[in-house]
Amino acid sequence: MVDCSFLPKSGRETFGLDKFWSSCAGKAQRGLEVSLLACVNTINKQCFALEASQTPPNITQKKGKPYSRLSWYLEQIADCLPHLPTLLYCVADGYYAKKEVFTLFIDHNRHLITRLRHDAALYYLWTKGRQPGQRGPTRRYDGKAVFTDLSRWQDQGVHPIHAHIQLYSALLYSKHFERKFVVVLLLDNRSQKYVLLASTDEQQSASQIAHYYHLRFQIELLFRDANGPTYRQFTGLSQCQARSDAKLDYHLNATLSGVNIGRLLLKADASLVNSMNALVRRETNRRIWKTIYSQLSIDGSVDVNRLDSLNCQFWQRRAA
């Protein structure tokens, strides 16, 4: 899966400073952006970071040809796909529902699962062949898909996780993307609102498409664990003071790799709650425990006049 995250950053000389979309603020803000490729285990929902790249600023032209942020994202994906030969499906949000992205994955013999606009122009395929006396070429389409009339859609049962969501699927064609999709309509029986998901794999089941897209949210938990609830905890994704491109790239990948290691440690210790917060607290307590016992003599007593013992009173001291 692939997604981007906004990182707040002050200053003027830091590489990559530009206006990027912040989902939390609901608007574009000045800061940095990291584009992350990650993989998720579809059974236990464990997500691990693979490669993080910082989005360059002021992307407009390159070698006289149009070059945008999407072009940068495509380069990152294209560079990583050859190193992931067993990867078959990639999941991305609606931003990546673009012709260039679909073409990239098809060219690499992979499939993309993404979200479409609720008013996407999709068409039923003509399956009745040529009619008697018909002139001209064979029809390709059998009318435009209507999302309020599901009589021509296949009922695929309830969502594999959310019982109040009903799944409907159809093989449809998009003139804009110039390709066929398995389109899954997720209908919320409580609000009667729907969401459209699409997969380039024409043989993929509706329940698997819905399940895989549901797992897309696990990449957001990677960003959460790297930042912490107050942008000051865990691995400190947004707390780097470096300004150069190379140092920022090292920091981004190091902090997300730290989350990967933390998740492996959590998996190896069944006594811990599956939370980075629990792991950080355990390691902090262990360090304090080792430091205290390192000040004890053989008989377990403490000489309060020793300098290193007096330094204990300054633990966790905050600057004014």
C-alpha atoms as a PDB file:
ATOM      1  CA  MET A   1       0.000   0.000   0.000  1.00  0.00           C
ATOM      2  CA  VAL A   2       1.047   3.593  -0.511  1.00  0.00           C
ATOM      3  CA  ASP A   3       0.079   6.828   1.200  1.00  0.00           C
ATOM      4  CA  CYS A   4       1.431  10.277   2.087  1.00  0.00           C
ATOM      5  CA  SER A   5       1.576  12.107   5.400  1.00  0.00           C
ATOM      6  CA  PHE A   6       2.106  15.764   6.247  1.00  0.00           C
ATOM      7  CA  LEU A   7       4.860  16.674   8.721  1.00  0.00           C
ATOM      8  CA  PRO A   8       4.887  20.084  10.407  1.00  0.00           C
ATOM      9  CA  LYS A   9       8.210  21.865  10.052  1.00  0.00           C
ATOM     10  CA  SER A  10       9.329  25.382  10.919  1.00  0.00           C
ATOM     11  CA  GLY A  11      12.278  27.327   9.540  1.00  0.00           C
ATOM     12  CA  ARG A  12      13.214  28.517   6.075  1.00  0.00           C
ATOM     13  CA  GLU A  13      16.216  26.501   4.915  1.00  0.00           C
ATOM     14  CA  THR A  14      14.927  22.941   5.353  1.00  0.00           C
ATOM     15  CA  PHE A  15      14.838  20.932   2.142  1.00  0.00           C
ATOM     16  CA  GLY A  16      11.343  20.128   0.917  1.00  0.00           C
ATOM     17  CA  LEU A  17       9.464  22.977   2.572  1.00  0.00           C
ATOM     18  CA  ASP A  18       6.310  23.621   0.610  1.00  0.00           C
ATOM     19  CA  LYS A  19       2.550  23.606   0.996  1.00  0.00           C
ATOM     20  CA  PHE A  20       1.155  20.087   1.356  1.00  0.00           C
ATOM     21  CA  TRP A  21      -2.272  18.774   2.201  1.00  0.00           C
ATOM     22  CA  SER A  22      -2.848  18.143   5.903  1.00  0.00           C
ATOM     23  CA  SER A  23      -5.759  15.825   6.623  1.00  0.00           C
ATOM     24  CA  CYS A  24      -5.863  16.877  10.275  1.00  0.00           C
ATOM     25  CA  ALA A  25      -6.175  20.560   9.394  1.00  0.00           C
ATOM     26  CA  GLY A  26      -8.344  19.938   6.347  1.00  0.00           C
ATOM     27  CA  LYS A  27      -6.253  22.306   4.224  1.00  0.00           C
ATOM     28  CA  ALA A  28      -2.806  22.761   2.710  1.00  0.00           C
ATOM     29  CA  GLN A  29      -0.152  23.880   5.173  1.00  0.00           C
ATOM     30  CA  ARG A  30       3.531  24.735   4.985  1.00  0.00           C
ATOM     31  CA  GLY A  31       5.736  21.835   6.018  1.00  0.00           C
ATOM     32  CA  LEU A  32       7.125  18.545   4.688  1.00  0.00           C
ATOM     33  CA  GLU A  33       5.529  15.476   3.141  1.00  0.00           C
ATOM     34  CA  VAL A  34       6.613  11.858   3.286  1.00  0.00           C
ATOM     35  CA  SER A  35       5.417   9.243   0.796  1.00  0.00           C
ATOM     36  CA  LEU A  36       5.439   5.761   2.302  1.00  0.00           C
ATOM     37  CA  LEU A  37       5.253   2.301   0.794  1.00  0.00           C
ATOM     38  CA  ALA A  38       4.233  -0.379   3.272  1.00  0.00           C
ATOM     39  CA  CYS A  39       3.132  -4.012   3.329  1.00  0.00           C
ATOM     40  CA  VAL A  40       0.443  -5.524   5.519  1.00  0.00           C
ATOM     41  CA  ASN A  41      -0.211  -9.089   6.618  1.00  0.00           C
ATOM     42  CA  THR A  42      -3.792  -9.809   5.575  1.00  0.00           C
ATOM     43  CA  ILE A  43      -4.214 -12.347   8.394  1.00  0.00           C
ATOM     44  CA  ASN A  44      -2.983 -10.548  11.526  1.00  0.00           C
ATOM     45  CA  LYS A  45      -3.215  -6.988  10.079  1.00  0.00           C
ATOM     46  CA  GLN A  46       0.409  -6.211  10.971  1.00  0.00           C
ATOM     47  CA  CYS A  47       1.748  -3.405   8.791  1.00  0.00           C
ATOM     48  CA  PHE A  48       5.451  -2.705   8.188  1.00  0.00           C
ATOM     49  CA  ALA A  49       7.117   0.227   6.441  1.00  0.00           C
ATOM     50  CA  LEU A  50       9.138  -0.587   3.330  1.00  0.00           C
ATOM     51  CA  GLU A  51      10.417   2.710   1.948  1.00  0.00           C
ATOM     52  CA  ALA A  52       9.826   6.351   2.784  1.00  0.00           C
ATOM     53  CA  SER A  53      10.670   9.212   0.429  1.00  0.00           C
ATOM     54  CA  GLN A  54      10.356  12.928   0.991  1.00  0.00           C
ATOM     55  CA  THR A  55       8.343  14.811  -1.593  1.00  0.00           C
ATOM     56  CA  PRO A  56      10.508  17.528  -3.209  1.00  0.00           C
ATOM     57  CA  PRO A  57       9.208  21.113  -3.260  1.00  0.00           C
ATOM     58  CA  ASN A  58       8.122  23.173  -6.265  1.00  0.00           C
ATOM     59  CA  ILE A  59       7.646  20.241  -8.634  1.00  0.00           C
ATOM     60  CA  THR A  60       6.524  21.752 -11.931  1.00  0.00           C
ATOM     61  CA  GLN A  61       8.781  20.914 -14.876  1.00  0.00           C
ATOM     62  CA  LYS A  62      11.505  18.353 -15.558  1.00  0.00           C
ATOM     63  CA  LYS A  63      13.515  18.226 -18.789  1.00  0.00           C
ATOM     64  CA  GLY A  64      10.937  20.363 -20.535  1.00  0.00           C
ATOM     65  CA  LYS A  65       8.081  17.940 -19.839  1.00  0.00           C
ATOM     66  CA  PRO A  66       5.235  18.263 -17.344  1.00  0.00           C
ATOM     67  CA  TYR A  67       6.343  16.853 -14.013  1.00  0.00           C
ATOM     68  CA  SER A  68       4.076  16.857 -10.989  1.00  0.00           C
ATOM     69  CA  ARG A  69       3.940  15.332  -7.528  1.00  0.00           C
ATOM     70  CA  LEU A  70       2.083  12.401  -9.025  1.00  0.00           C
ATOM     71  CA  SER A  71       5.082  11.817 -11.305  1.00  0.00           C
ATOM     72  CA  TRP A  72       7.289  11.688  -8.208  1.00  0.00           C
ATOM     73  CA  TYR A  73       4.990   9.169  -6.502  1.00  0.00           C
ATOM     74  CA  LEU A  74       5.009   7.028  -9.644  1.00  0.00           C
ATOM     75  CA  GLU A  75       8.815   7.051  -9.732  1.00  0.00           C
ATOM     76  CA  GLN A  76       8.952   5.873  -6.128  1.00  0.00           C
ATOM     77  CA  ILE A  77       6.514   3.020  -6.806  1.00  0.00           C
ATOM     78  CA  ALA A  78       8.252   2.020 -10.045  1.00  0.00           C
ATOM     79  CA  ASP A  79      11.633   1.866  -8.277  1.00  0.00           C
ATOM     80  CA  CYS A  80      10.302  -0.390  -5.505  1.00  0.00           C
ATOM     81  CA  LEU A  81       8.083  -2.835  -7.436  1.00  0.00           C
ATOM     82  CA  PRO A  82      10.996  -4.842  -8.952  1.00  0.00           C
ATOM     83  CA  HIS A  83      12.215  -5.545  -5.404  1.00  0.00           C
ATOM     84  CA  LEU A  84       8.804  -6.952  -4.408  1.00  0.00           C
ATOM     85  CA  PRO A  85       8.280  -9.893  -6.778  1.00  0.00           C
ATOM     86  CA  THR A  86       5.670 -11.615  -4.597  1.00  0.00           C
ATOM     87  CA  LEU A  87       3.519  -8.510  -4.204  1.00  0.00           C
ATOM     88  CA  LEU A  88       0.346  -8.839  -6.278  1.00  0.00           C
ATOM     89  CA  TYR A  89      -2.063  -6.222  -4.923  1.00  0.00           C
ATOM     90  CA  CYS A  90      -1.493  -2.627  -3.942  1.00  0.00           C
ATOM     91  CA  VAL A  91      -4.098  -0.584  -2.079  1.00  0.00           C
ATOM     92  CA  ALA A  92      -4.284   3.205  -2.219  1.00  0.00           C
ATOM     93  CA  ASP A  93      -6.844   5.877  -1.463  1.00  0.00           C
ATOM     94  CA  GLY A  94      -8.858   7.808  -4.024  1.00  0.00           C
ATOM     95  CA  TYR A  95      -6.039  10.233  -4.859  1.00  0.00           C
ATOM     96  CA  TYR A  96      -4.244   7.447  -6.732  1.00  0.00           C
ATOM     97  CA  ALA A  97      -7.269   6.615  -8.894  1.00  0.00           C
ATOM     98  CA  LYS A  98      -5.592   8.005 -11.999  1.00  0.00           C
ATOM     99  CA  LYS A  99      -4.883   6.591 -15.424  1.00  0.00           C
ATOM    100  CA  GLU A 100      -1.108   6.809 -15.016  1.00  0.00           C
ATOM    101  CA  VAL A 101      -1.209   4.838 -11.751  1.00  0.00           C
ATOM    102  CA  PHE A 102      -3.389   2.067 -13.205  1.00  0.00           C
ATOM    103  CA  THR A 103      -1.082   1.829 -16.229  1.00  0.00           C
ATOM    104  CA  LEU A 104       2.006   1.543 -14.011  1.00  0.00           C
ATOM    105  CA  PHE A 105       0.661  -1.415 -12.051  1.00  0.00           C
ATOM    106  CA  ILE A 106      -0.682  -3.199 -15.117  1.00  0.00           C
ATOM    107  CA  ASP A 107       2.698  -2.821 -16.849  1.00  0.00           C
ATOM    108  CA  HIS A 108       4.341  -4.499 -13.829  1.00  0.00           C
ATOM    109  CA  ASN A 109       1.732  -7.300 -13.784  1.00  0.00           C
ATOM    110  CA  ARG A 110       0.287  -6.074 -10.502  1.00  0.00           C
ATOM    111  CA  HIS A 111      -3.211  -4.956  -9.488  1.00  0.00           C
ATOM    112  CA  LEU A 112      -4.411  -1.773  -7.829  1.00  0.00           C
ATOM    113  CA  ILE A 113      -7.352  -1.513  -5.447  1.00  0.00           C
ATOM    114  CA  THR A 114      -8.574   2.011  -4.905  1.00  0.00           C
ATOM    115  CA  ARG A 115     -11.614   4.144  -4.281  1.00  0.00           C
ATOM    116  CA  LEU A 116     -13.569   5.876  -7.048  1.00  0.00           C
ATOM    117  CA  ARG A 117     -15.645   9.033  -7.004  1.00  0.00           C
ATOM    118  CA  HIS A 118     -19.244   8.477  -5.977  1.00  0.00           C
ATOM    119  CA  ASP A 119     -20.333   9.897  -9.341  1.00  0.00           C
ATOM    120  CA  ALA A 120     -17.800   8.005 -11.477  1.00  0.00           C
ATOM    121  CA  ALA A 121     -18.821   7.467 -15.104  1.00  0.00           C
ATOM    122  CA  LEU A 122     -18.935   3.671 -15.470  1.00  0.00           C
ATOM    123  CA  TYR A 123     -20.669   1.535 -18.083  1.00  0.00           C
ATOM    124  CA  TYR A 124     -22.125  -1.957 -18.208  1.00  0.00           C
ATOM    125  CA  LEU A 125     -20.525  -4.243 -20.787  1.00  0.00           C
ATOM    126  CA  TRP A 126     -22.520  -5.464 -23.759  1.00  0.00           C
ATOM    127  CA  THR A 127     -22.718  -9.271 -23.536  1.00  0.00           C
ATOM    128  CA  LYS A 128     -25.540 -10.114 -25.977  1.00  0.00           C
ATOM    129  CA  GLY A 129     -23.408 -10.233 -29.112  1.00  0.00           C
ATOM    130  CA  ARG A 130     -24.595  -9.005 -32.490  1.00  0.00           C
ATOM    131  CA  GLN A 131     -28.335  -8.779 -32.968  1.00  0.00           C
ATOM    132  CA  PRO A 132     -30.163  -9.994 -36.110  1.00  0.00           C
ATOM    133  CA  GLY A 133     -30.003  -7.348 -38.809  1.00  0.00           C
ATOM    134  CA  GLN A 134     -27.579  -5.198 -36.827  1.00  0.00           C
ATOM    135  CA  ARG A 135     -25.352  -2.937 -38.915  1.00  0.00           C
ATOM    136  CA  GLY A 136     -22.054  -1.399 -37.952  1.00  0.00           C
ATOM    137  CA  PRO A 137     -19.619  -2.508 -35.234  1.00  0.00           C
ATOM    138  CA  THR A 138     -20.674  -4.621 -32.273  1.00  0.00           C
ATOM    139  CA  ARG A 139     -21.865  -2.637 -29.305  1.00  0.00           C
ATOM    140  CA  ARG A 140     -19.401  -2.311 -26.433  1.00  0.00           C
ATOM    141  CA  TYR A 141     -21.584  -0.848 -23.689  1.00  0.00           C
ATOM    142  CA  ASP A 142     -25.000  -1.634 -22.305  1.00  0.00           C
ATOM    143  CA  GLY A 143     -25.798   1.674 -20.665  1.00  0.00           C
ATOM    144  CA  LYS A 144     -24.331   3.792 -17.920  1.00  0.00           C
ATOM    145  CA  ALA A 145     -24.188   2.326 -14.428  1.00  0.00           C
ATOM    146  CA  VAL A 146     -26.706   3.808 -12.003  1.00  0.00           C
ATOM    147  CA  PHE A 147     -25.705   3.508  -8.372  1.00  0.00           C
ATOM    148  CA  THR A 148     -29.207   4.034  -7.011  1.00  0.00           C
ATOM    149  CA  ASP A 149     -30.580   1.076  -8.982  1.00  0.00           C
ATOM    150  CA  LEU A 150     -28.763  -2.124  -8.046  1.00  0.00           C
ATOM    151  CA  SER A 151     -30.976  -4.521  -9.989  1.00  0.00           C
ATOM    152  CA  ARG A 152     -28.139  -5.247 -12.440  1.00  0.00           C
ATOM    153  CA  TRP A 153     -25.530  -5.662  -9.707  1.00  0.00           C
ATOM    154  CA  GLN A 154     -24.677  -8.941  -8.010  1.00  0.00           C
ATOM    155  CA  ASP A 155     -25.463  -9.128  -4.316  1.00  0.00           C
ATOM    156  CA  GLN A 156     -22.285 -10.358  -2.599  1.00  0.00           C
ATOM    157  CA  GLY A 157     -23.580 -10.448   0.964  1.00  0.00           C
ATOM    158  CA  VAL A 158     -22.412  -8.428   3.935  1.00  0.00           C
ATOM    159  CA  HIS A 159     -19.014  -6.839   4.490  1.00  0.00           C
ATOM    160  CA  PRO A 160     -16.485  -9.319   5.989  1.00  0.00           C
ATOM    161  CA  ILE A 161     -15.985  -7.010   8.992  1.00  0.00           C
ATOM    162  CA  HIS A 162     -18.920  -4.563   9.188  1.00  0.00           C
ATOM    163  CA  ALA A 163     -22.264  -6.318   9.300  1.00  0.00           C
ATOM    164  CA  HIS A 164     -24.264  -3.176   8.487  1.00  0.00           C
ATOM    165  CA  ILE A 165     -22.595  -2.807   5.073  1.00  0.00           C
ATOM    166  CA  GLN A 166     -23.925  -4.716   2.075  1.00  0.00           C
ATOM    167  CA  LEU A 167     -21.687  -5.528  -0.891  1.00  0.00           C
ATOM    168  CA  TYR A 168     -22.721  -5.355  -4.554  1.00  0.00           C
ATOM    169  CA  SER A 169     -20.369  -5.942  -7.476  1.00  0.00           C
ATOM    170  CA  ALA A 170     -20.298  -5.576 -11.247  1.00  0.00           C
ATOM    171  CA  LEU A 171     -17.725  -5.712 -14.031  1.00  0.00           C
ATOM    172  CA  LEU A 172     -17.788  -2.214 -15.501  1.00  0.00           C
ATOM    173  CA  TYR A 173     -15.844  -0.176 -18.041  1.00  0.00           C
ATOM    174  CA  SER A 174     -14.433   3.298 -17.533  1.00  0.00           C
ATOM    175  CA  LYS A 175     -13.956   5.440 -20.626  1.00  0.00           C
ATOM    176  CA  HIS A 176     -11.802   7.853 -18.650  1.00  0.00           C
ATOM    177  CA  PHE A 177      -9.361   5.170 -17.474  1.00  0.00           C
ATOM    178  CA  GLU A 178      -9.818   3.088 -20.669  1.00  0.00           C
ATOM    179  CA  ARG A 179     -10.065  -0.214 -18.829  1.00  0.00           C
ATOM    180  CA  LYS A 180     -12.420  -2.627 -17.087  1.00  0.00           C
ATOM    181  CA  PHE A 181     -12.761  -2.868 -13.329  1.00  0.00           C
ATOM    182  CA  VAL A 182     -14.424  -5.084 -10.799  1.00  0.00           C
ATOM    183  CA  VAL A 183     -16.408  -2.380  -9.018  1.00  0.00           C
ATOM    184  CA  VAL A 184     -17.710  -3.040  -5.525  1.00  0.00           C
ATOM    185  CA  LEU A 185     -20.443  -0.835  -4.122  1.00  0.00           C
ATOM    186  CA  LEU A 186     -20.475  -0.729  -0.315  1.00  0.00           C
ATOM    187  CA  LEU A 187     -23.952   0.284   0.816  1.00  0.00           C
ATOM    188  CA  ASP A 188     -24.428   1.389   4.408  1.00  0.00           C
ATOM    189  CA  ASN A 189     -27.847   0.048   5.417  1.00  0.00           C
ATOM    190  CA  ARG A 190     -28.121   2.598   8.210  1.00  0.00           C
ATOM    191  CA  SER A 191     -27.461   5.813   6.279  1.00  0.00           C
ATOM    192  CA  GLN A 192     -28.079   4.485   2.730  1.00  0.00           C
ATOM    193  CA  LYS A 193     -24.803   6.057   1.621  1.00  0.00           C
ATOM    194  CA  TYR A 194     -22.434   4.165  -0.623  1.00  0.00           C
ATOM    195  CA  VAL A 195     -18.731   3.964  -1.499  1.00  0.00           C
ATOM    196  CA  LEU A 196     -17.256   2.675  -4.757  1.00  0.00           C
ATOM    197  CA  LEU A 197     -14.145   0.495  -4.750  1.00  0.00           C
ATOM    198  CA  ALA A 198     -12.397  -0.708  -7.896  1.00  0.00           C
ATOM    199  CA  SER A 199      -9.863  -3.425  -8.647  1.00  0.00           C
ATOM    200  CA  THR A 200      -7.972  -4.029 -11.881  1.00  0.00           C
ATOM    201  CA  ASP A 201      -8.108  -7.786 -11.194  1.00  0.00           C
ATOM    202  CA  GLU A 202     -11.223  -8.919 -13.048  1.00  0.00           C
ATOM    203  CA  GLN A 203     -11.264 -12.260 -11.178  1.00  0.00           C
ATOM    204  CA  GLN A 204     -11.006 -10.860  -7.652  1.00  0.00           C
ATOM    205  CA  SER A 205     -13.960 -11.393  -5.320  1.00  0.00           C
ATOM    206  CA  ALA A 206     -15.927  -8.484  -3.875  1.00  0.00           C
ATOM    207  CA  SER A 207     -15.349  -9.552  -0.269  1.00  0.00           C
ATOM    208  CA  GLN A 208     -11.572  -9.676  -0.804  1.00  0.00           C
ATOM    209  CA  ILE A 209     -11.561  -6.213  -2.385  1.00  0.00           C
ATOM    210  CA  ALA A 210     -13.525  -4.799   0.534  1.00  0.00           C
ATOM    211  CA  HIS A 211     -11.295  -6.572   3.062  1.00  0.00           C
ATOM    212  CA  TYR A 212      -8.048  -5.396   1.453  1.00  0.00           C
ATOM    213  CA  TYR A 213      -9.230  -1.814   1.257  1.00  0.00           C
ATOM    214  CA  HIS A 214     -10.274  -1.998   4.898  1.00  0.00           C
ATOM    215  CA  LEU A 215      -6.667  -2.937   5.729  1.00  0.00           C
ATOM    216  CA  ARG A 216      -5.435   0.241   4.024  1.00  0.00           C
ATOM    217  CA  PHE A 217      -5.996   2.126   7.273  1.00  0.00           C
ATOM    218  CA  GLN A 218      -3.122   0.176   8.858  1.00  0.00           C
ATOM    219  CA  ILE A 219      -0.651   2.492   7.127  1.00  0.00           C
ATOM    220  CA  GLU A 220      -2.146   5.378   9.103  1.00  0.00           C
ATOM    221  CA  LEU A 221      -1.230   3.512  12.288  1.00  0.00           C
ATOM    222  CA  LEU A 222       2.390   3.454  11.115  1.00  0.00           C
ATOM    223  CA  PHE A 223       2.409   7.241  10.972  1.00  0.00           C
ATOM    224  CA  ARG A 224       0.672   7.376  14.356  1.00  0.00           C
ATOM    225  CA  ASP A 225       3.218   5.102  16.027  1.00  0.00           C
ATOM    226  CA  ALA A 226       6.131   6.986  14.464  1.00  0.00           C
ATOM    227  CA  ASN A 227       4.790  10.334  15.650  1.00  0.00           C
ATOM    228  CA  GLY A 228       3.054   9.478  18.907  1.00  0.00           C
ATOM    229  CA  PRO A 229      -0.115  11.182  20.116  1.00  0.00           C
ATOM    230  CA  THR A 230       1.587  14.513  20.755  1.00  0.00           C
ATOM    231  CA  TYR A 231       4.284  14.500  18.005  1.00  0.00           C
ATOM    232  CA  ARG A 232       6.859  14.058  20.819  1.00  0.00           C
ATOM    233  CA  GLN A 233       6.745  10.363  21.657  1.00  0.00           C
ATOM    234  CA  PHE A 234       7.735   7.003  20.216  1.00  0.00           C
ATOM    235  CA  THR A 235      10.263   7.296  17.335  1.00  0.00           C
ATOM    236  CA  GLY A 236       9.944  11.038  16.670  1.00  0.00           C
ATOM    237  CA  LEU A 237       9.074  11.123  12.970  1.00  0.00           C
ATOM    238  CA  SER A 238       8.405  14.878  12.997  1.00  0.00           C
ATOM    239  CA  GLN A 239      11.085  15.815  15.524  1.00  0.00           C
ATOM    240  CA  CYS A 240      14.151  15.943  13.273  1.00  0.00           C
ATOM    241  CA  GLN A 241      16.232  19.138  13.307  1.00  0.00           C
ATOM    242  CA  ALA A 242      18.169  18.253  10.134  1.00  0.00           C
ATOM    243  CA  ARG A 243      17.756  20.382   7.036  1.00  0.00           C
ATOM    244  CA  SER A 244      19.531  18.584   4.186  1.00  0.00           C
ATOM    245  CA  ASP A 245      17.880  16.140   1.822  1.00  0.00           C
ATOM    246  CA  ALA A 246      20.099  13.165   2.725  1.00  0.00           C
ATOM    247  CA  LYS A 247      19.779  13.612   6.483  1.00  0.00           C
ATOM    248  CA  LEU A 248      16.012  13.974   6.314  1.00  0.00           C
ATOM    249  CA  ASP A 249      15.770  10.843   4.156  1.00  0.00           C
ATOM    250  CA  TYR A 250      17.839   8.911   6.706  1.00  0.00           C
ATOM    251  CA  HIS A 251      15.672  10.193   9.563  1.00  0.00           C
ATOM    252  CA  LEU A 252      12.374   9.297   7.882  1.00  0.00           C
ATOM    253  CA  ASN A 253      13.428   5.739   7.125  1.00  0.00           C
ATOM    254  CA  ALA A 254      15.162   5.264  10.492  1.00  0.00           C
ATOM    255  CA  THR A 255      12.126   6.315  12.520  1.00  0.00           C
ATOM    256  CA  LEU A 256       9.746   4.120  10.527  1.00  0.00           C
ATOM    257  CA  SER A 257      12.214   1.231  10.768  1.00  0.00           C
ATOM    258  CA  GLY A 258      12.135   1.795  14.529  1.00  0.00           C
ATOM    259  CA  VAL A 259       8.386   1.217  14.445  1.00  0.00           C
ATOM    260  CA  ASN A 260       8.977  -2.010  12.505  1.00  0.00           C
ATOM    261  CA  ILE A 261      11.398  -3.212  15.183  1.00  0.00           C
ATOM    262  CA  GLY A 262       8.983  -2.191  17.929  1.00  0.00           C
ATOM    263  CA  ARG A 263       6.209  -4.229  16.350  1.00  0.00           C
ATOM    264  CA  LEU A 264       8.451  -7.272  16.114  1.00  0.00           C
ATOM    265  CA  LEU A 265       9.327  -6.879  19.807  1.00  0.00           C
ATOM    266  CA  LEU A 266       5.643  -6.635  20.679  1.00  0.00           C
ATOM    267  CA  LYS A 267       4.900  -9.767  18.696  1.00  0.00           C
ATOM    268  CA  ALA A 268       7.668 -11.656  20.522  1.00  0.00           C
ATOM    269  CA  ASP A 269       6.376 -10.704  23.999  1.00  0.00           C
ATOM    270  CA  ALA A 270       2.854 -11.927  24.645  1.00  0.00           C
ATOM    271  CA  SER A 271       2.764 -10.175  28.031  1.00  0.00           C
ATOM    272  CA  LEU A 272       2.633  -6.757  26.344  1.00  0.00           C
ATOM    273  CA  VAL A 273      -0.451  -5.046  25.040  1.00  0.00           C
ATOM    274  CA  ASN A 274      -0.080  -4.605  21.280  1.00  0.00           C
ATOM    275  CA  SER A 275       0.799  -0.927  21.564  1.00  0.00           C
ATOM    276  CA  MET A 276       3.923   1.161  20.991  1.00  0.00           C
ATOM    277  CA  ASN A 277       3.011   3.044  24.158  1.00  0.00           C
ATOM    278  CA  ALA A 278       3.259  -0.170  26.180  1.00  0.00           C
ATOM    279  CA  LEU A 279       6.639  -0.995  24.636  1.00  0.00           C
ATOM    280  CA  VAL A 280       8.065   2.491  25.300  1.00  0.00           C
ATOM    281  CA  ARG A 281       6.890   2.413  28.909  1.00  0.00           C
ATOM    282  CA  ARG A 282       8.389  -1.038  29.468  1.00  0.00           C
ATOM    283  CA  GLU A 283      11.775  -0.042  28.052  1.00  0.00           C
ATOM    284  CA  THR A 284      11.759   3.219  30.040  1.00  0.00           C
ATOM    285  CA  ASN A 285      11.036   1.333  33.244  1.00  0.00           C
ATOM    286  CA  ARG A 286      13.793  -1.175  32.474  1.00  0.00           C
ATOM    287  CA  ARG A 287      16.321   1.605  31.954  1.00  0.00           C
ATOM    288  CA  ILE A 288      15.323   3.311  35.201  1.00  0.00           C
ATOM    289  CA  TRP A 289      15.505  -0.035  37.021  1.00  0.00           C
ATOM    290  CA  LYS A 290      19.020  -0.731  35.679  1.00  0.00           C
ATOM    291  CA  THR A 291      20.203   2.784  36.513  1.00  0.00           C
ATOM    292  CA  ILE A 292      18.939   2.593  40.090  1.00  0.00           C
ATOM    293  CA  TYR A 293      20.492  -0.804  40.748  1.00  0.00           C
ATOM    294  CA  SER A 294      23.778   0.311  39.206  1.00  0.00           C
ATOM    295  CA  GLN A 295      24.043   2.823  42.072  1.00  0.00           C
ATOM    296  CA  LEU A 296      23.718   0.147  44.767  1.00  0.00           C
ATOM    297  CA  SER A 297      26.644  -1.393  46.560  1.00  0.00           C
ATOM    298  CA  ILE A 298      27.057  -5.129  47.128  1.00  0.00           C
ATOM    299  CA  ASP A 299      24.920  -5.034  50.267  1.00  0.00           C
ATOM    300  CA  GLY A 300      22.159  -3.077  48.471  1.00  0.00           C
ATOM    301  CA  SER A 301      22.815   0.240  50.235  1.00  0.00           C
ATOM    302  CA  VAL A 302      23.185   3.629  48.545  1.00  0.00           C
ATOM    303  CA  ASP A 303      25.796   6.230  49.399  1.00  0.00           C
ATOM    304  CA  VAL A 304      23.863   9.476  48.948  1.00  0.00           C
ATOM    305  CA  ASN A 305      27.133  11.447  48.972  1.00  0.00           C
ATOM    306  CA  ARG A 306      28.350   9.836  45.769  1.00  0.00           C
ATOM    307  CA  LEU A 307      28.127  12.191  42.788  1.00  0.00           C
ATOM    308  CA  ASP A 308      26.422   9.694  40.490  1.00  0.00           C
ATOM    309  CA  SER A 309      23.812   9.030  43.165  1.00  0.00           C
ATOM    310  CA  LEU A 310      23.124  12.730  43.566  1.00  0.00           C
ATOM    311  CA  ASN A 311      22.577  12.939  39.804  1.00  0.00           C
ATOM    312  CA  CYS A 312      19.445  10.808  40.216  1.00  0.00           C
ATOM    313  CA  GLN A 313      17.601  13.853  41.499  1.00  0.00           C
ATOM    314  CA  PHE A 314      17.907  15.419  38.051  1.00  0.00           C
ATOM    315  CA  TRP A 315      16.188  12.596  36.144  1.00  0.00           C
ATOM    316  CA  GLN A 316      13.287  13.767  33.967  1.00  0.00           C
ATOM    317  CA  ARG A 317      14.155  17.389  34.756  1.00  0.00           C
ATOM    318  CA  ARG A 318      12.571  19.738  32.237  1.00  0.00           C
ATOM    319  CA  ALA A 319      14.022  22.949  30.928  1.00  0.00           C
ATOM    320  CA  ALA A 320      12.393  26.146  32.136  1.00  0.00           C
END
